[in-house]
Amino acid sequence: MQLTATVNKDIHRQLIEGLKSGSHKDFDKLYAIYADLLYGFVLNLTKSSTMAKDILQDTFLRVWQTREQLSAEMSFKSYLYSIARNLIIDTFRHQVRSVAFEEYITSDAYLNYTENTVEKDINFDEFKNKLEQAKEKLSDRQRQIFELSREKGLSISVIAGQLGLTEKTVKNQLTLIMKILRTELSHYYILLFFFL
C-alpha cells in the first residue's frame, strides 16, 4: 500500500486516532503505508540493509510505545523519519564508543593506567556489577529515568511524556543521576567515559 496525494486526509487521521487507541489493525495499515519509504530512507543513510531493517523495526516499536502522544494533525511521515534519524545517530554513537573503547583498551595509555592502578583487575563485568549497586542509591523514579535514557535510548521528550513529567524535570533528574553515579563509580572513571 502506498500513500498518495489522493488518500483522504480523514482516513489518515482515523488511522492515527486508531493507533492512539491501541488498534493493532490501524498500526498494521500505517506500517504497510510507510515501511518501504522508511526503509529506503534509512538504507540511504546507513548503507546497510541489516541496520536498515533493525532501525525500521525499532522505529515502529517506538511508535507503538509512544502512540498515546500522537496527534492526528501531525505529519506522521516526519515523525517516523525523526525517530529513525535519532535511532541511527544512537546506533552510530554506540558503535563509535565501542570502537574507541576497544582501541583504548589495547593502547599503551590503558596499559600504563592499569599498571599504575591499585586495582589491576578492573573488568567490564565488575563495572556492570558496581553500576547496578550504584543504581540502588537512586530513587525509584531516578532509576526509571536512567534506564529509559541510557539503557533504552529514549529521548528526554519521550521520557517526559511516558512519565508525565516536564522535559526540564527529566533533564534536571538526569543531571543529578549522573552526578550520583559518577561519585559512586569514581574509581571507574575510564569506563564511565564510554558507558555513561
N, C-alpha and C. Protein backbone atom coordinates (compact mmCIF):
# COMPACT_ATOMS: atom_id res chain seq x y z
N MET A 1 0.85 -1.19 0.00
CA MET A 1 0.00 0.00 0.00
C MET A 1 0.89 1.24 0.00
N GLN A 2 0.62 2.17 -0.88
CA GLN A 2 1.40 3.40 -0.95
C GLN A 2 0.50 4.58 -0.62
N LEU A 3 1.06 5.54 0.09
CA LEU A 3 0.33 6.74 0.42
C LEU A 3 0.45 7.71 -0.75
N THR A 4 -0.67 8.12 -1.33
CA THR A 4 -0.64 9.05 -2.45
C THR A 4 -1.40 10.30 -2.07
N ALA A 5 -1.30 11.30 -2.94
CA ALA A 5 -1.98 12.57 -2.68
C ALA A 5 -3.49 12.39 -2.64
N THR A 6 -3.96 11.29 -3.23
CA THR A 6 -5.40 11.08 -3.28
C THR A 6 -5.95 10.41 -2.02
N VAL A 7 -5.05 9.92 -1.18
CA VAL A 7 -5.53 9.29 0.06
C VAL A 7 -6.20 10.36 0.91
N ASN A 8 -7.39 10.07 1.32
CA ASN A 8 -8.18 11.01 2.08
C ASN A 8 -7.52 11.31 3.42
N LYS A 9 -7.36 12.61 3.72
CA LYS A 9 -6.74 13.01 4.99
C LYS A 9 -7.54 12.52 6.18
N ASP A 10 -8.85 12.42 5.99
CA ASP A 10 -9.70 11.94 7.08
C ASP A 10 -9.38 10.48 7.41
N ILE A 11 -9.10 9.69 6.38
CA ILE A 11 -8.74 8.28 6.60
C ILE A 11 -7.42 8.21 7.37
N HIS A 12 -6.48 9.04 6.96
CA HIS A 12 -5.18 9.07 7.62
C HIS A 12 -5.34 9.47 9.09
N ARG A 13 -6.19 10.47 9.33
CA ARG A 13 -6.46 10.93 10.69
C ARG A 13 -7.09 9.81 11.51
N GLN A 14 -7.99 9.07 10.88
CA GLN A 14 -8.64 7.95 11.57
C GLN A 14 -7.63 6.87 11.95
N LEU A 15 -6.68 6.62 11.06
CA LEU A 15 -5.65 5.61 11.36
C LEU A 15 -4.81 6.04 12.56
N ILE A 16 -4.45 7.33 12.60
CA ILE A 16 -3.66 7.84 13.73
C ILE A 16 -4.46 7.73 15.03
N GLU A 17 -5.72 8.13 14.96
CA GLU A 17 -6.58 8.05 16.15
C GLU A 17 -6.74 6.60 16.60
N GLY A 18 -6.89 5.70 15.63
CA GLY A 18 -6.99 4.28 15.97
C GLY A 18 -5.73 3.77 16.62
N LEU A 19 -4.59 4.17 16.08
CA LEU A 19 -3.31 3.78 16.67
C LEU A 19 -3.19 4.30 18.09
N LYS A 20 -3.58 5.56 18.30
CA LYS A 20 -3.54 6.14 19.65
C LYS A 20 -4.36 5.31 20.63
N SER A 21 -5.45 4.75 20.13
CA SER A 21 -6.35 3.95 20.98
C SER A 21 -5.87 2.52 21.15
N GLY A 22 -4.78 2.17 20.48
CA GLY A 22 -4.22 0.83 20.64
C GLY A 22 -4.65 -0.17 19.59
N SER A 23 -5.15 0.32 18.45
CA SER A 23 -5.61 -0.58 17.40
C SER A 23 -4.43 -1.18 16.63
N HIS A 24 -4.28 -2.49 16.75
CA HIS A 24 -3.23 -3.19 16.00
C HIS A 24 -3.51 -3.14 14.50
N LYS A 25 -4.78 -3.16 14.16
CA LYS A 25 -5.17 -3.13 12.75
C LYS A 25 -4.72 -1.82 12.10
N ASP A 26 -4.96 -0.69 12.78
CA ASP A 26 -4.56 0.60 12.24
C ASP A 26 -3.04 0.75 12.24
N PHE A 27 -2.40 0.18 13.25
CA PHE A 27 -0.93 0.18 13.28
C PHE A 27 -0.39 -0.56 12.05
N ASP A 28 -0.97 -1.72 11.77
CA ASP A 28 -0.53 -2.52 10.62
C ASP A 28 -0.74 -1.76 9.30
N LYS A 29 -1.85 -1.03 9.21
CA LYS A 29 -2.11 -0.25 7.99
C LYS A 29 -1.07 0.85 7.82
N LEU A 30 -0.75 1.54 8.91
CA LEU A 30 0.26 2.60 8.84
C LEU A 30 1.63 2.01 8.50
N TYR A 31 1.90 0.84 9.04
CA TYR A 31 3.16 0.16 8.73
C TYR A 31 3.22 -0.15 7.23
N ALA A 32 2.11 -0.66 6.70
CA ALA A 32 2.07 -1.00 5.27
C ALA A 32 2.26 0.24 4.39
N ILE A 33 1.75 1.36 4.84
CA ILE A 33 1.88 2.60 4.07
C ILE A 33 3.31 3.13 4.09
N TYR A 34 3.94 3.08 5.26
CA TYR A 34 5.22 3.79 5.43
C TYR A 34 6.47 2.93 5.47
N ALA A 35 6.35 1.63 5.65
CA ALA A 35 7.54 0.79 5.87
C ALA A 35 8.55 0.89 4.74
N ASP A 36 8.09 0.77 3.50
CA ASP A 36 9.03 0.81 2.36
C ASP A 36 9.72 2.17 2.24
N LEU A 37 8.95 3.24 2.44
CA LEU A 37 9.52 4.59 2.39
C LEU A 37 10.59 4.76 3.46
N LEU A 38 10.26 4.32 4.67
CA LEU A 38 11.19 4.48 5.78
C LEU A 38 12.43 3.62 5.60
N TYR A 39 12.23 2.40 5.12
CA TYR A 39 13.37 1.51 4.87
C TYR A 39 14.33 2.14 3.87
N GLY A 40 13.79 2.70 2.79
CA GLY A 40 14.63 3.35 1.79
C GLY A 40 15.38 4.54 2.36
N PHE A 41 14.70 5.31 3.19
CA PHE A 41 15.32 6.47 3.84
C PHE A 41 16.49 6.04 4.71
N VAL A 42 16.27 5.02 5.54
CA VAL A 42 17.31 4.55 6.46
C VAL A 42 18.46 3.89 5.70
N LEU A 43 18.11 3.09 4.70
CA LEU A 43 19.14 2.42 3.90
C LEU A 43 20.04 3.45 3.22
N ASN A 44 19.45 4.52 2.74
CA ASN A 44 20.22 5.57 2.08
C ASN A 44 21.22 6.21 3.04
N LEU A 45 20.85 6.33 4.31
CA LEU A 45 21.73 6.95 5.30
C LEU A 45 22.76 5.99 5.85
N THR A 46 22.38 4.73 6.04
CA THR A 46 23.28 3.78 6.71
C THR A 46 24.09 2.92 5.76
N LYS A 47 23.59 2.75 4.53
CA LYS A 47 24.23 1.87 3.54
C LYS A 47 24.32 0.42 4.03
N SER A 48 23.44 0.05 4.95
CA SER A 48 23.44 -1.31 5.50
C SER A 48 22.01 -1.83 5.55
N SER A 49 21.73 -2.90 4.80
CA SER A 49 20.37 -3.44 4.80
C SER A 49 20.01 -4.02 6.16
N THR A 50 20.99 -4.64 6.83
CA THR A 50 20.73 -5.21 8.16
C THR A 50 20.36 -4.11 9.15
N MET A 51 21.17 -3.05 9.16
CA MET A 51 20.89 -1.94 10.06
C MET A 51 19.57 -1.28 9.70
N ALA A 52 19.29 -1.14 8.42
CA ALA A 52 18.05 -0.51 7.98
C ALA A 52 16.84 -1.30 8.47
N LYS A 53 16.91 -2.63 8.38
CA LYS A 53 15.81 -3.47 8.87
C LYS A 53 15.63 -3.32 10.37
N ASP A 54 16.75 -3.30 11.11
CA ASP A 54 16.68 -3.14 12.57
C ASP A 54 16.09 -1.79 12.95
N ILE A 55 16.57 -0.73 12.28
CA ILE A 55 16.07 0.61 12.57
C ILE A 55 14.59 0.72 12.23
N LEU A 56 14.19 0.11 11.12
CA LEU A 56 12.78 0.11 10.72
C LEU A 56 11.92 -0.50 11.83
N GLN A 57 12.31 -1.68 12.30
CA GLN A 57 11.55 -2.35 13.36
C GLN A 57 11.55 -1.54 14.65
N ASP A 58 12.72 -1.00 15.01
CA ASP A 58 12.83 -0.22 16.25
C ASP A 58 12.01 1.06 16.17
N THR A 59 11.95 1.65 14.98
CA THR A 59 11.17 2.88 14.80
C THR A 59 9.69 2.61 15.04
N PHE A 60 9.18 1.55 14.44
CA PHE A 60 7.76 1.25 14.62
C PHE A 60 7.46 0.75 16.03
N LEU A 61 8.43 0.10 16.65
CA LEU A 61 8.26 -0.28 18.05
C LEU A 61 8.14 0.98 18.91
N ARG A 62 9.00 1.96 18.64
CA ARG A 62 8.95 3.23 19.38
C ARG A 62 7.62 3.94 19.15
N VAL A 63 7.13 3.89 17.92
CA VAL A 63 5.83 4.50 17.61
C VAL A 63 4.74 3.83 18.45
N TRP A 64 4.76 2.50 18.51
CA TRP A 64 3.76 1.78 19.30
C TRP A 64 3.86 2.14 20.78
N GLN A 65 5.08 2.22 21.28
CA GLN A 65 5.29 2.51 22.70
C GLN A 65 4.84 3.92 23.07
N THR A 66 4.92 4.84 22.12
CA THR A 66 4.58 6.25 22.40
C THR A 66 3.30 6.68 21.69
N ARG A 67 2.48 5.72 21.30
CA ARG A 67 1.31 6.01 20.46
C ARG A 67 0.34 7.00 21.11
N GLU A 68 0.25 7.00 22.43
CA GLU A 68 -0.72 7.88 23.10
C GLU A 68 -0.34 9.35 22.96
N GLN A 69 0.91 9.62 22.60
CA GLN A 69 1.36 11.01 22.44
C GLN A 69 1.13 11.54 21.03
N LEU A 70 0.67 10.69 20.13
CA LEU A 70 0.48 11.10 18.74
C LEU A 70 -0.66 12.11 18.60
N SER A 71 -0.53 12.93 17.58
CA SER A 71 -1.60 13.87 17.23
C SER A 71 -2.06 13.56 15.81
N ALA A 72 -3.35 13.54 15.62
CA ALA A 72 -3.90 13.24 14.29
C ALA A 72 -3.55 14.33 13.29
N GLU A 73 -3.16 15.51 13.78
CA GLU A 73 -2.84 16.63 12.89
C GLU A 73 -1.36 16.64 12.50
N MET A 74 -0.57 15.81 13.14
CA MET A 74 0.88 15.82 12.88
C MET A 74 1.21 15.17 11.55
N SER A 75 2.43 15.44 11.07
CA SER A 75 2.93 14.73 9.89
C SER A 75 3.54 13.42 10.38
N PHE A 76 2.82 12.33 10.15
CA PHE A 76 3.28 11.03 10.64
C PHE A 76 4.60 10.64 9.98
N LYS A 77 4.74 10.98 8.71
CA LYS A 77 5.97 10.66 7.99
C LYS A 77 7.16 11.38 8.62
N SER A 78 7.01 12.66 8.91
CA SER A 78 8.09 13.42 9.55
C SER A 78 8.42 12.85 10.92
N TYR A 79 7.37 12.43 11.63
CA TYR A 79 7.56 11.84 12.96
C TYR A 79 8.38 10.55 12.85
N LEU A 80 8.03 9.70 11.89
CA LEU A 80 8.78 8.46 11.67
C LEU A 80 10.24 8.74 11.33
N TYR A 81 10.45 9.68 10.42
CA TYR A 81 11.82 10.00 9.99
C TYR A 81 12.64 10.56 11.15
N SER A 82 11.99 11.34 12.00
CA SER A 82 12.69 11.90 13.16
C SER A 82 13.14 10.80 14.12
N ILE A 83 12.24 9.85 14.39
CA ILE A 83 12.60 8.72 15.25
C ILE A 83 13.73 7.92 14.63
N ALA A 84 13.61 7.63 13.35
CA ALA A 84 14.63 6.83 12.66
C ALA A 84 15.98 7.53 12.68
N ARG A 85 15.99 8.85 12.44
CA ARG A 85 17.25 9.61 12.47
C ARG A 85 17.91 9.50 13.84
N ASN A 86 17.11 9.66 14.89
CA ASN A 86 17.66 9.57 16.25
C ASN A 86 18.21 8.18 16.54
N LEU A 87 17.51 7.15 16.07
CA LEU A 87 17.99 5.78 16.27
C LEU A 87 19.28 5.53 15.50
N ILE A 88 19.38 6.08 14.31
CA ILE A 88 20.62 5.94 13.52
C ILE A 88 21.77 6.61 14.26
N ILE A 89 21.54 7.82 14.75
CA ILE A 89 22.58 8.55 15.49
C ILE A 89 23.00 7.75 16.71
N ASP A 90 22.03 7.24 17.47
CA ASP A 90 22.34 6.44 18.66
C ASP A 90 23.14 5.20 18.30
N THR A 91 22.76 4.54 17.20
CA THR A 91 23.46 3.33 16.78
C THR A 91 24.91 3.63 16.42
N PHE A 92 25.11 4.69 15.63
CA PHE A 92 26.48 5.05 15.24
C PHE A 92 27.29 5.52 16.45
N ARG A 93 26.64 6.26 17.36
CA ARG A 93 27.34 6.72 18.56
C ARG A 93 27.80 5.52 19.38
N HIS A 94 26.92 4.52 19.51
CA HIS A 94 27.29 3.31 20.26
C HIS A 94 28.44 2.59 19.58
N GLN A 95 28.40 2.50 18.26
CA GLN A 95 29.48 1.83 17.54
C GLN A 95 30.80 2.57 17.71
N VAL A 96 30.74 3.90 17.65
CA VAL A 96 31.97 4.69 17.82
C VAL A 96 32.52 4.49 19.22
N ARG A 97 31.64 4.50 20.22
CA ARG A 97 32.11 4.29 21.59
C ARG A 97 32.73 2.91 21.74
N SER A 98 32.11 1.90 21.14
CA SER A 98 32.64 0.54 21.24
C SER A 98 34.01 0.44 20.60
N VAL A 99 34.15 1.04 19.41
CA VAL A 99 35.45 1.02 18.72
C VAL A 99 36.47 1.80 19.52
N ALA A 100 36.08 2.97 20.01
CA ALA A 100 37.00 3.79 20.80
C ALA A 100 37.44 3.04 22.05
N PHE A 101 36.50 2.33 22.68
CA PHE A 101 36.85 1.59 23.88
C PHE A 101 37.81 0.45 23.55
N GLU A 102 37.54 -0.27 22.46
CA GLU A 102 38.44 -1.36 22.06
C GLU A 102 39.84 -0.82 21.76
N GLU A 103 39.90 0.33 21.07
CA GLU A 103 41.20 0.91 20.76
C GLU A 103 41.92 1.34 22.04
N TYR A 104 41.15 1.93 22.96
CA TYR A 104 41.76 2.39 24.21
C TYR A 104 42.27 1.22 25.04
N ILE A 105 41.46 0.17 25.13
CA ILE A 105 41.79 -0.96 25.99
C ILE A 105 43.07 -1.67 25.54
N THR A 106 43.43 -1.53 24.28
CA THR A 106 44.65 -2.17 23.77
C THR A 106 45.80 -1.18 23.63
N SER A 107 45.57 0.06 24.04
CA SER A 107 46.60 1.09 23.86
C SER A 107 47.60 1.11 25.01
N ASP A 108 48.73 1.75 24.77
CA ASP A 108 49.75 1.92 25.81
C ASP A 108 49.20 2.74 26.97
N ALA A 109 48.35 3.72 26.65
CA ALA A 109 47.79 4.57 27.71
C ALA A 109 47.02 3.73 28.71
N TYR A 110 46.22 2.77 28.21
CA TYR A 110 45.46 1.91 29.11
C TYR A 110 46.37 1.00 29.90
N LEU A 111 47.37 0.43 29.22
CA LEU A 111 48.30 -0.47 29.91
C LEU A 111 49.05 0.28 31.00
N ASN A 112 49.47 1.51 30.72
CA ASN A 112 50.14 2.31 31.74
C ASN A 112 49.20 2.63 32.88
N TYR A 113 47.95 2.92 32.54
CA TYR A 113 46.95 3.21 33.56
C TYR A 113 46.76 2.01 34.49
N THR A 114 46.62 0.83 33.91
CA THR A 114 46.37 -0.35 34.74
C THR A 114 47.59 -0.72 35.57
N GLU A 115 48.79 -0.48 35.03
CA GLU A 115 50.00 -0.80 35.79
C GLU A 115 50.14 0.11 37.00
N ASN A 116 49.60 1.33 36.90
CA ASN A 116 49.73 2.28 37.99
C ASN A 116 48.49 2.34 38.87
N THR A 117 47.57 1.44 38.66
CA THR A 117 46.34 1.40 39.43
C THR A 117 46.44 0.33 40.51
N VAL A 118 45.93 0.67 41.70
CA VAL A 118 45.98 -0.30 42.79
C VAL A 118 45.20 -1.55 42.40
N GLU A 119 44.01 -1.32 41.82
CA GLU A 119 43.19 -2.44 41.37
C GLU A 119 43.52 -2.73 39.91
N LYS A 120 44.28 -3.77 39.65
CA LYS A 120 44.70 -4.06 38.27
C LYS A 120 43.69 -4.91 37.52
N ASP A 121 42.75 -5.47 38.25
CA ASP A 121 41.86 -6.44 37.61
C ASP A 121 40.48 -5.87 37.31
N ILE A 122 40.40 -4.57 37.12
CA ILE A 122 39.12 -3.97 36.76
C ILE A 122 38.67 -4.54 35.42
N ASN A 123 37.47 -5.03 35.37
CA ASN A 123 36.95 -5.51 34.10
C ASN A 123 35.51 -5.04 33.92
N PHE A 124 35.00 -5.25 32.74
CA PHE A 124 33.68 -4.71 32.44
C PHE A 124 32.59 -5.36 33.28
N ASP A 125 32.70 -6.68 33.54
CA ASP A 125 31.69 -7.35 34.37
C ASP A 125 31.66 -6.74 35.77
N GLU A 126 32.83 -6.46 36.30
CA GLU A 126 32.91 -5.85 37.62
C GLU A 126 32.27 -4.46 37.58
N PHE A 127 32.56 -3.72 36.52
CA PHE A 127 31.98 -2.38 36.37
C PHE A 127 30.45 -2.46 36.32
N LYS A 128 29.91 -3.42 35.55
CA LYS A 128 28.46 -3.56 35.46
C LYS A 128 27.85 -3.87 36.83
N ASN A 129 28.52 -4.74 37.59
CA ASN A 129 28.03 -5.06 38.94
C ASN A 129 28.03 -3.82 39.82
N LYS A 130 29.11 -3.04 39.74
CA LYS A 130 29.21 -1.82 40.54
C LYS A 130 28.16 -0.80 40.10
N LEU A 131 27.90 -0.75 38.80
CA LEU A 131 26.88 0.16 38.30
C LEU A 131 25.51 -0.21 38.86
N GLU A 132 25.20 -1.51 38.88
CA GLU A 132 23.92 -1.95 39.44
C GLU A 132 23.82 -1.58 40.92
N GLN A 133 24.94 -1.73 41.65
CA GLN A 133 24.95 -1.34 43.06
C GLN A 133 24.75 0.17 43.20
N ALA A 134 25.41 0.93 42.33
CA ALA A 134 25.30 2.39 42.39
C ALA A 134 23.87 2.83 42.08
N LYS A 135 23.20 2.11 41.17
CA LYS A 135 21.82 2.47 40.82
C LYS A 135 20.88 2.30 42.00
N GLU A 136 21.27 1.47 42.97
CA GLU A 136 20.44 1.30 44.16
C GLU A 136 20.41 2.57 45.02
N LYS A 137 21.37 3.47 44.79
CA LYS A 137 21.40 4.74 45.51
C LYS A 137 20.36 5.71 44.94
N LEU A 138 19.84 5.39 43.77
CA LEU A 138 18.86 6.26 43.12
C LEU A 138 17.46 5.96 43.65
N SER A 139 16.59 6.95 43.58
CA SER A 139 15.19 6.71 43.90
C SER A 139 14.58 5.86 42.78
N ASP A 140 13.40 5.32 43.04
CA ASP A 140 12.74 4.51 42.02
C ASP A 140 12.52 5.32 40.74
N ARG A 141 12.10 6.57 40.88
CA ARG A 141 11.85 7.42 39.72
C ARG A 141 13.16 7.71 38.97
N GLN A 142 14.23 7.99 39.73
CA GLN A 142 15.53 8.25 39.09
C GLN A 142 16.03 7.03 38.33
N ARG A 143 15.86 5.86 38.94
CA ARG A 143 16.29 4.62 38.28
C ARG A 143 15.49 4.42 36.99
N GLN A 144 14.22 4.72 37.05
CA GLN A 144 13.35 4.58 35.87
C GLN A 144 13.81 5.52 34.75
N ILE A 145 14.10 6.76 35.11
CA ILE A 145 14.57 7.74 34.13
C ILE A 145 15.90 7.31 33.53
N PHE A 146 16.82 6.84 34.38
CA PHE A 146 18.14 6.40 33.92
C PHE A 146 18.00 5.26 32.92
N GLU A 147 17.18 4.27 33.25
CA GLU A 147 17.03 3.10 32.38
C GLU A 147 16.39 3.48 31.05
N LEU A 148 15.41 4.36 31.08
CA LEU A 148 14.76 4.79 29.84
C LEU A 148 15.74 5.58 28.97
N SER A 149 16.57 6.39 29.61
CA SER A 149 17.51 7.23 28.87
C SER A 149 18.73 6.47 28.39
N ARG A 150 19.44 5.82 29.31
CA ARG A 150 20.73 5.23 28.97
C ARG A 150 20.64 3.80 28.46
N GLU A 151 19.63 3.06 28.91
CA GLU A 151 19.56 1.66 28.52
C GLU A 151 18.60 1.42 27.36
N LYS A 152 17.53 2.24 27.30
CA LYS A 152 16.59 2.08 26.19
C LYS A 152 16.78 3.15 25.12
N GLY A 153 17.57 4.18 25.45
CA GLY A 153 17.90 5.19 24.46
C GLY A 153 16.78 6.15 24.10
N LEU A 154 15.79 6.30 25.00
CA LEU A 154 14.69 7.20 24.71
C LEU A 154 15.12 8.66 24.90
N SER A 155 14.52 9.55 24.14
CA SER A 155 14.84 10.97 24.25
C SER A 155 14.18 11.56 25.49
N ILE A 156 14.66 12.73 25.89
CA ILE A 156 14.11 13.41 27.06
C ILE A 156 12.62 13.69 26.87
N SER A 157 12.24 14.12 25.67
CA SER A 157 10.83 14.43 25.44
C SER A 157 9.95 13.19 25.54
N VAL A 158 10.43 12.06 25.03
CA VAL A 158 9.65 10.82 25.11
C VAL A 158 9.55 10.35 26.56
N ILE A 159 10.65 10.43 27.30
CA ILE A 159 10.64 10.04 28.71
C ILE A 159 9.66 10.91 29.48
N ALA A 160 9.71 12.22 29.23
CA ALA A 160 8.80 13.14 29.91
C ALA A 160 7.35 12.76 29.63
N GLY A 161 7.05 12.45 28.37
CA GLY A 161 5.69 12.06 28.01
C GLY A 161 5.26 10.77 28.67
N GLN A 162 6.15 9.78 28.69
CA GLN A 162 5.81 8.48 29.28
C GLN A 162 5.57 8.58 30.78
N LEU A 163 6.37 9.43 31.46
CA LEU A 163 6.30 9.50 32.92
C LEU A 163 5.43 10.65 33.42
N GLY A 164 4.89 11.44 32.50
CA GLY A 164 4.03 12.55 32.92
C GLY A 164 4.81 13.66 33.61
N LEU A 165 6.04 13.89 33.16
CA LEU A 165 6.89 14.93 33.74
C LEU A 165 7.19 15.99 32.69
N THR A 166 7.69 17.14 33.13
CA THR A 166 8.15 18.14 32.17
C THR A 166 9.54 17.74 31.69
N GLU A 167 9.90 18.23 30.51
CA GLU A 167 11.23 17.94 29.98
C GLU A 167 12.31 18.50 30.90
N LYS A 168 12.04 19.67 31.49
CA LYS A 168 13.01 20.29 32.41
C LYS A 168 13.25 19.39 33.62
N THR A 169 12.18 18.79 34.14
CA THR A 169 12.33 17.89 35.28
C THR A 169 13.18 16.69 34.91
N VAL A 170 12.94 16.12 33.74
CA VAL A 170 13.73 14.97 33.29
C VAL A 170 15.20 15.35 33.14
N LYS A 171 15.46 16.52 32.52
CA LYS A 171 16.85 16.98 32.36
C LYS A 171 17.53 17.16 33.71
N ASN A 172 16.82 17.81 34.64
CA ASN A 172 17.39 18.03 35.97
C ASN A 172 17.67 16.72 36.68
N GLN A 173 16.74 15.78 36.55
CA GLN A 173 16.93 14.48 37.18
C GLN A 173 18.11 13.73 36.57
N LEU A 174 18.26 13.80 35.25
CA LEU A 174 19.39 13.13 34.59
C LEU A 174 20.72 13.72 35.05
N THR A 175 20.76 15.04 35.20
CA THR A 175 21.99 15.69 35.69
C THR A 175 22.32 15.19 37.09
N LEU A 176 21.31 15.14 37.95
CA LEU A 176 21.52 14.66 39.32
C LEU A 176 21.92 13.19 39.34
N ILE A 177 21.26 12.39 38.52
CA ILE A 177 21.56 10.95 38.42
C ILE A 177 23.01 10.73 38.03
N MET A 178 23.47 11.45 37.00
CA MET A 178 24.84 11.26 36.53
C MET A 178 25.84 11.70 37.59
N LYS A 179 25.50 12.74 38.34
CA LYS A 179 26.38 13.19 39.42
C LYS A 179 26.50 12.11 40.49
N ILE A 180 25.37 11.51 40.84
CA ILE A 180 25.37 10.44 41.86
C ILE A 180 26.19 9.25 41.37
N LEU A 181 25.95 8.83 40.14
CA LEU A 181 26.64 7.65 39.61
C LEU A 181 28.13 7.90 39.44
N ARG A 182 28.50 9.10 39.00
CA ARG A 182 29.93 9.40 38.84
C ARG A 182 30.63 9.42 40.19
N THR A 183 29.93 9.90 41.22
CA THR A 183 30.51 9.89 42.56
C THR A 183 30.68 8.46 43.05
N GLU A 184 29.66 7.64 42.86
CA GLU A 184 29.70 6.25 43.32
C GLU A 184 30.72 5.42 42.54
N LEU A 185 30.93 5.78 41.27
CA LEU A 185 31.79 4.98 40.40
C LEU A 185 33.07 5.72 40.01
N SER A 186 33.52 6.63 40.86
CA SER A 186 34.69 7.44 40.52
C SER A 186 35.93 6.60 40.26
N HIS A 187 36.02 5.43 40.89
CA HIS A 187 37.17 4.54 40.70
C HIS A 187 37.22 4.01 39.26
N TYR A 188 36.08 4.07 38.59
CA TYR A 188 35.97 3.51 37.24
C TYR A 188 35.86 4.61 36.19
N TYR A 189 36.54 5.73 36.43
CA TYR A 189 36.31 6.88 35.56
C TYR A 189 36.62 6.61 34.10
N ILE A 190 37.53 5.70 33.80
CA ILE A 190 37.82 5.37 32.40
C ILE A 190 36.60 4.73 31.74
N LEU A 191 35.99 3.78 32.44
CA LEU A 191 34.80 3.12 31.90
C LEU A 191 33.60 4.07 31.87
N LEU A 192 33.53 4.98 32.86
CA LEU A 192 32.43 5.93 32.88
C LEU A 192 32.39 6.75 31.60
N PHE A 193 33.56 7.10 31.09
CA PHE A 193 33.64 7.91 29.87
C PHE A 193 32.93 7.23 28.71
N PHE A 194 33.04 5.92 28.64
CA PHE A 194 32.48 5.19 27.50
C PHE A 194 31.04 4.75 27.70
N PHE A 195 30.62 4.55 28.94
CA PHE A 195 29.33 3.89 29.15
C PHE A 195 28.27 4.74 29.83
N LEU A 196 28.61 5.94 30.31
CA LEU A 196 27.58 6.78 30.92
C LEU A 196 27.46 8.09 30.16
